[in-house]
Amino acid sequence: QVQLVESGGGLVQPGGSLRLSCAASGSIYRVNEMGWYRQAPGKQRELVAVITGDGAVTYGDSVKGRFVIARDKERNILYLQMNSLKPEDTAVYLCNLVQLRNYWGQGTQVTVSS
């Protein structure tokens, strides 16, 4: 089993920055992929950014150029640096890990508002 715990969410003004963290623990031995997804009320879950075990990165179109994903393999921590935040970035951000199956964290709320 794998456990994922997100942190770093909060309230930020438009144009501000936040850094999310996702700490993975448990039986981690061959991670295919880790990533961030988000879900806003009344909307479908959306890909934010993913990073494969080989380090290849994919960003969702709406965050390209503003968000940066990074992974500390030794400590099993996934980061998401979010810059130039917009109100439409408001959502619950969920950490995902793929290792034979999908694992999800509980999510952390990000609210962008003045």
N, C-alpha and C. Protein backbone atom coordinates (compact mmCIF):
# COMPACT_ATOMS: atom_id res chain seq x y z
N GLN A 1 0.83 -1.20 0.00
CA GLN A 1 0.00 0.00 0.00
C GLN A 1 0.87 1.25 0.00
N VAL A 2 0.32 2.30 -0.58
CA VAL A 2 1.00 3.59 -0.67
C VAL A 2 0.09 4.67 -0.09
N GLN A 3 0.66 5.56 0.68
CA GLN A 3 -0.09 6.68 1.22
C GLN A 3 0.50 7.97 0.66
N LEU A 4 -0.40 8.90 0.35
CA LEU A 4 0.00 10.20 -0.19
C LEU A 4 -0.61 11.30 0.67
N VAL A 5 0.20 12.24 1.10
CA VAL A 5 -0.29 13.35 1.92
C VAL A 5 0.15 14.66 1.29
N GLU A 6 -0.83 15.47 0.89
CA GLU A 6 -0.54 16.77 0.28
C GLU A 6 -0.50 17.86 1.35
N SER A 7 0.25 18.91 1.06
CA SER A 7 0.29 20.08 1.93
C SER A 7 0.66 21.30 1.10
N GLY A 8 0.46 22.48 1.68
CA GLY A 8 0.90 23.70 1.04
C GLY A 8 -0.20 24.54 0.42
N GLY A 9 -1.42 24.04 0.44
CA GLY A 9 -2.51 24.82 -0.12
C GLY A 9 -2.87 26.00 0.76
N GLY A 10 -3.76 26.85 0.25
CA GLY A 10 -4.19 28.00 1.03
C GLY A 10 -4.83 29.05 0.17
N LEU A 11 -4.96 30.24 0.74
CA LEU A 11 -5.55 31.38 0.05
C LEU A 11 -4.44 32.30 -0.43
N VAL A 12 -4.50 32.68 -1.69
CA VAL A 12 -3.48 33.54 -2.25
C VAL A 12 -4.14 34.53 -3.20
N GLN A 13 -3.57 35.72 -3.31
CA GLN A 13 -4.11 36.72 -4.23
C GLN A 13 -3.72 36.42 -5.67
N PRO A 14 -4.50 36.88 -6.62
CA PRO A 14 -4.12 36.71 -8.04
C PRO A 14 -2.72 37.26 -8.28
N GLY A 15 -1.94 36.50 -9.05
CA GLY A 15 -0.56 36.87 -9.33
C GLY A 15 0.43 36.32 -8.33
N GLY A 16 -0.07 35.73 -7.25
CA GLY A 16 0.80 35.19 -6.23
C GLY A 16 1.30 33.80 -6.55
N SER A 17 2.03 33.24 -5.58
CA SER A 17 2.64 31.91 -5.75
C SER A 17 2.35 31.04 -4.55
N LEU A 18 2.35 29.74 -4.81
CA LEU A 18 2.25 28.73 -3.76
C LEU A 18 3.09 27.54 -4.17
N ARG A 19 3.57 26.79 -3.19
CA ARG A 19 4.25 25.54 -3.49
C ARG A 19 3.54 24.41 -2.74
N LEU A 20 3.08 23.44 -3.51
CA LEU A 20 2.45 22.27 -2.94
C LEU A 20 3.48 21.15 -2.78
N SER A 21 3.27 20.33 -1.77
CA SER A 21 4.12 19.15 -1.56
C SER A 21 3.23 17.92 -1.40
N CYS A 22 3.76 16.79 -1.82
CA CYS A 22 3.06 15.51 -1.66
C CYS A 22 4.09 14.50 -1.14
N ALA A 23 3.89 14.06 0.08
CA ALA A 23 4.79 13.08 0.68
C ALA A 23 4.22 11.68 0.47
N ALA A 24 5.00 10.83 -0.15
CA ALA A 24 4.58 9.45 -0.41
C ALA A 24 5.27 8.52 0.58
N SER A 25 4.52 7.56 1.09
CA SER A 25 5.09 6.59 2.02
C SER A 25 4.46 5.23 1.78
N GLY A 26 5.06 4.20 2.36
CA GLY A 26 4.55 2.86 2.20
C GLY A 26 5.46 2.04 1.30
N SER A 27 4.85 1.11 0.58
CA SER A 27 5.60 0.20 -0.26
C SER A 27 5.86 0.81 -1.64
N ILE A 28 6.89 1.63 -1.70
CA ILE A 28 7.23 2.32 -2.95
C ILE A 28 8.49 1.68 -3.50
N TYR A 29 8.37 1.07 -4.67
CA TYR A 29 9.54 0.38 -5.21
C TYR A 29 9.75 0.61 -6.69
N ARG A 30 8.70 0.93 -7.44
CA ARG A 30 8.86 1.19 -8.86
C ARG A 30 7.73 2.10 -9.31
N VAL A 31 7.96 3.39 -9.19
CA VAL A 31 6.93 4.36 -9.54
C VAL A 31 6.94 4.61 -11.04
N ASN A 32 5.82 4.39 -11.68
CA ASN A 32 5.70 4.66 -13.11
C ASN A 32 5.54 6.16 -13.37
N GLU A 33 4.77 6.78 -12.47
CA GLU A 33 4.43 8.18 -12.71
C GLU A 33 3.90 8.80 -11.42
N MET A 34 4.19 10.08 -11.22
CA MET A 34 3.56 10.86 -10.16
C MET A 34 3.05 12.15 -10.77
N GLY A 35 2.01 12.68 -10.18
CA GLY A 35 1.48 13.90 -10.77
C GLY A 35 0.49 14.62 -9.90
N TRP A 36 0.08 15.76 -10.40
CA TRP A 36 -0.93 16.60 -9.75
C TRP A 36 -2.13 16.75 -10.68
N TYR A 37 -3.28 16.61 -10.09
CA TYR A 37 -4.54 16.86 -10.76
C TYR A 37 -5.32 17.85 -9.90
N ARG A 38 -6.33 18.46 -10.50
CA ARG A 38 -7.15 19.37 -9.71
C ARG A 38 -8.61 19.22 -10.09
N GLN A 39 -9.45 19.55 -9.12
CA GLN A 39 -10.89 19.46 -9.36
C GLN A 39 -11.59 20.65 -8.71
N ALA A 40 -12.27 21.41 -9.53
CA ALA A 40 -13.05 22.55 -9.06
C ALA A 40 -14.51 22.12 -8.95
N PRO A 41 -15.29 22.79 -8.11
CA PRO A 41 -16.70 22.42 -7.95
C PRO A 41 -17.44 22.42 -9.29
N GLY A 42 -18.14 21.35 -9.56
CA GLY A 42 -18.94 21.26 -10.78
C GLY A 42 -18.15 20.98 -12.04
N LYS A 43 -16.83 20.74 -11.90
CA LYS A 43 -16.00 20.48 -13.07
C LYS A 43 -15.34 19.11 -12.97
N GLN A 44 -14.91 18.61 -14.12
CA GLN A 44 -14.22 17.33 -14.14
C GLN A 44 -12.79 17.48 -13.61
N ARG A 45 -12.25 16.37 -13.11
CA ARG A 45 -10.87 16.37 -12.67
C ARG A 45 -9.97 16.66 -13.87
N GLU A 46 -8.97 17.50 -13.65
CA GLU A 46 -8.12 18.00 -14.74
C GLU A 46 -6.66 17.72 -14.43
N LEU A 47 -5.92 17.31 -15.45
CA LEU A 47 -4.49 17.11 -15.30
C LEU A 47 -3.80 18.46 -15.13
N VAL A 48 -2.93 18.55 -14.13
CA VAL A 48 -2.12 19.76 -13.95
C VAL A 48 -0.71 19.50 -14.47
N ALA A 49 -0.06 18.47 -13.92
CA ALA A 49 1.29 18.13 -14.35
C ALA A 49 1.62 16.73 -13.87
N VAL A 50 2.35 15.99 -14.71
CA VAL A 50 2.81 14.66 -14.32
C VAL A 50 4.27 14.51 -14.67
N ILE A 51 4.95 13.64 -13.92
CA ILE A 51 6.35 13.34 -14.19
C ILE A 51 6.52 11.84 -14.13
N THR A 52 7.15 11.26 -15.15
CA THR A 52 7.32 9.82 -15.20
C THR A 52 8.53 9.40 -14.37
N GLY A 53 8.68 8.10 -14.22
CA GLY A 53 9.84 7.58 -13.51
C GLY A 53 11.15 7.95 -14.19
N ASP A 54 11.10 8.18 -15.49
CA ASP A 54 12.29 8.58 -16.25
C ASP A 54 12.51 10.08 -16.25
N GLY A 55 11.58 10.83 -15.66
CA GLY A 55 11.74 12.27 -15.58
C GLY A 55 11.05 13.07 -16.65
N ALA A 56 10.31 12.42 -17.53
CA ALA A 56 9.58 13.16 -18.56
C ALA A 56 8.39 13.87 -17.92
N VAL A 57 8.17 15.10 -18.35
CA VAL A 57 7.15 15.95 -17.74
C VAL A 57 6.09 16.35 -18.76
N THR A 58 4.85 16.36 -18.31
CA THR A 58 3.74 16.85 -19.12
C THR A 58 2.93 17.82 -18.28
N TYR A 59 2.59 18.95 -18.88
CA TYR A 59 1.76 19.96 -18.20
C TYR A 59 0.43 20.11 -18.92
N GLY A 60 -0.60 20.41 -18.12
CA GLY A 60 -1.86 20.78 -18.72
C GLY A 60 -1.72 22.12 -19.43
N ASP A 61 -2.50 22.32 -20.47
CA ASP A 61 -2.37 23.53 -21.28
C ASP A 61 -2.59 24.79 -20.45
N SER A 62 -3.49 24.73 -19.49
CA SER A 62 -3.85 25.93 -18.75
C SER A 62 -2.77 26.37 -17.75
N VAL A 63 -1.77 25.54 -17.50
CA VAL A 63 -0.75 25.89 -16.51
C VAL A 63 0.65 25.99 -17.11
N LYS A 64 0.79 25.70 -18.37
CA LYS A 64 2.10 25.74 -19.01
C LYS A 64 2.72 27.13 -18.87
N GLY A 65 4.00 27.14 -18.48
CA GLY A 65 4.71 28.40 -18.33
C GLY A 65 4.52 29.05 -16.98
N ARG A 66 3.60 28.52 -16.17
CA ARG A 66 3.35 29.10 -14.84
C ARG A 66 3.66 28.13 -13.70
N PHE A 67 3.44 26.85 -13.92
CA PHE A 67 3.65 25.84 -12.88
C PHE A 67 4.86 24.99 -13.22
N VAL A 68 5.52 24.50 -12.18
CA VAL A 68 6.67 23.62 -12.36
C VAL A 68 6.54 22.43 -11.41
N ILE A 69 6.65 21.23 -11.96
CA ILE A 69 6.59 20.01 -11.16
C ILE A 69 8.01 19.50 -10.94
N ALA A 70 8.24 18.96 -9.75
CA ALA A 70 9.56 18.39 -9.45
C ALA A 70 9.38 17.24 -8.47
N ARG A 71 10.31 16.31 -8.52
CA ARG A 71 10.22 15.14 -7.65
C ARG A 71 11.56 14.88 -6.98
N ASP A 72 11.52 14.70 -5.67
CA ASP A 72 12.69 14.27 -4.91
C ASP A 72 12.56 12.76 -4.73
N LYS A 73 13.30 12.02 -5.56
CA LYS A 73 13.16 10.56 -5.55
C LYS A 73 13.64 9.95 -4.24
N GLU A 74 14.68 10.51 -3.68
CA GLU A 74 15.25 9.93 -2.46
C GLU A 74 14.29 10.01 -1.28
N ARG A 75 13.58 11.15 -1.20
CA ARG A 75 12.67 11.36 -0.08
C ARG A 75 11.22 11.06 -0.45
N ASN A 76 10.99 10.69 -1.72
CA ASN A 76 9.63 10.39 -2.19
C ASN A 76 8.68 11.56 -1.95
N ILE A 77 9.11 12.74 -2.35
CA ILE A 77 8.27 13.93 -2.24
C ILE A 77 8.09 14.53 -3.62
N LEU A 78 6.87 14.88 -3.92
CA LEU A 78 6.52 15.54 -5.18
C LEU A 78 6.15 16.98 -4.88
N TYR A 79 6.63 17.89 -5.71
CA TYR A 79 6.37 19.31 -5.52
C TYR A 79 5.62 19.89 -6.72
N LEU A 80 4.90 20.96 -6.46
CA LEU A 80 4.30 21.74 -7.54
C LEU A 80 4.47 23.20 -7.18
N GLN A 81 5.35 23.88 -7.91
CA GLN A 81 5.52 25.32 -7.74
C GLN A 81 4.54 26.02 -8.66
N MET A 82 3.67 26.82 -8.06
CA MET A 82 2.63 27.50 -8.83
C MET A 82 2.86 29.00 -8.78
N ASN A 83 3.08 29.58 -9.94
CA ASN A 83 3.34 31.02 -10.04
C ASN A 83 2.25 31.69 -10.86
N SER A 84 2.17 33.00 -10.75
CA SER A 84 1.20 33.79 -11.52
C SER A 84 -0.20 33.19 -11.41
N LEU A 85 -0.60 32.92 -10.21
CA LEU A 85 -1.88 32.25 -9.99
C LEU A 85 -3.05 33.12 -10.40
N LYS A 86 -4.08 32.45 -10.93
CA LYS A 86 -5.28 33.11 -11.41
C LYS A 86 -6.49 32.57 -10.63
N PRO A 87 -7.56 33.33 -10.59
CA PRO A 87 -8.77 32.82 -9.91
C PRO A 87 -9.23 31.47 -10.45
N GLU A 88 -9.05 31.24 -11.74
CA GLU A 88 -9.48 29.97 -12.33
C GLU A 88 -8.60 28.79 -11.91
N ASP A 89 -7.52 29.05 -11.20
CA ASP A 89 -6.71 27.96 -10.64
C ASP A 89 -7.29 27.44 -9.33
N THR A 90 -8.32 28.09 -8.83
CA THR A 90 -8.96 27.65 -7.60
C THR A 90 -9.53 26.25 -7.75
N ALA A 91 -9.11 25.35 -6.87
CA ALA A 91 -9.55 23.95 -6.95
C ALA A 91 -8.94 23.18 -5.78
N VAL A 92 -9.38 21.95 -5.64
CA VAL A 92 -8.69 21.00 -4.77
C VAL A 92 -7.63 20.32 -5.62
N TYR A 93 -6.41 20.35 -5.14
CA TYR A 93 -5.29 19.76 -5.86
C TYR A 93 -4.96 18.40 -5.25
N LEU A 94 -4.94 17.40 -6.11
CA LEU A 94 -4.75 16.03 -5.66
C LEU A 94 -3.46 15.44 -6.20
N CYS A 95 -2.76 14.75 -5.35
CA CYS A 95 -1.53 14.06 -5.73
C CYS A 95 -1.87 12.65 -6.19
N ASN A 96 -1.20 12.22 -7.24
CA ASN A 96 -1.43 10.89 -7.82
C ASN A 96 -0.10 10.16 -7.98
N LEU A 97 -0.12 8.87 -7.70
CA LEU A 97 1.06 8.03 -7.91
C LEU A 97 0.60 6.76 -8.61
N VAL A 98 1.31 6.38 -9.64
CA VAL A 98 0.98 5.17 -10.39
C VAL A 98 2.09 4.15 -10.18
N GLN A 99 1.72 3.05 -9.57
CA GLN A 99 2.63 1.92 -9.34
C GLN A 99 1.75 0.67 -9.33
N LEU A 100 1.61 0.06 -10.47
CA LEU A 100 0.70 -1.07 -10.70
C LEU A 100 -0.77 -0.64 -10.65
N ARG A 101 -1.07 0.36 -9.88
CA ARG A 101 -2.42 0.92 -9.82
C ARG A 101 -2.31 2.38 -9.44
N ASN A 102 -3.45 3.07 -9.48
CA ASN A 102 -3.48 4.48 -9.11
C ASN A 102 -3.67 4.65 -7.62
N TYR A 103 -2.89 5.55 -7.04
CA TYR A 103 -3.07 5.97 -5.66
C TYR A 103 -3.34 7.47 -5.65
N TRP A 104 -4.23 7.89 -4.73
CA TRP A 104 -4.60 9.31 -4.64
C TRP A 104 -4.48 9.80 -3.21
N GLY A 105 -4.09 11.06 -3.08
CA GLY A 105 -4.12 11.70 -1.80
C GLY A 105 -5.50 12.28 -1.53
N GLN A 106 -5.65 12.90 -0.36
CA GLN A 106 -6.94 13.48 0.03
C GLN A 106 -7.15 14.85 -0.62
N GLY A 107 -6.08 15.49 -1.03
CA GLY A 107 -6.20 16.78 -1.69
C GLY A 107 -5.92 17.94 -0.76
N THR A 108 -5.52 19.06 -1.36
CA THR A 108 -5.31 20.30 -0.62
C THR A 108 -5.98 21.43 -1.38
N GLN A 109 -6.69 22.28 -0.67
CA GLN A 109 -7.46 23.35 -1.30
C GLN A 109 -6.55 24.53 -1.64
N VAL A 110 -6.68 24.99 -2.86
CA VAL A 110 -6.02 26.22 -3.31
C VAL A 110 -7.10 27.21 -3.73
N THR A 111 -7.09 28.37 -3.12
CA THR A 111 -8.07 29.40 -3.45
C THR A 111 -7.32 30.66 -3.87
N VAL A 112 -7.62 31.13 -5.07
CA VAL A 112 -6.99 32.34 -5.60
C VAL A 112 -8.06 33.43 -5.67
N SER A 113 -7.93 34.40 -4.81
CA SER A 113 -8.96 35.43 -4.72
C SER A 113 -8.39 36.68 -4.08
N SER A 114 -8.91 37.82 -4.51
CA SER A 114 -8.51 39.08 -3.89
C SER A 114 -9.45 39.45 -2.75
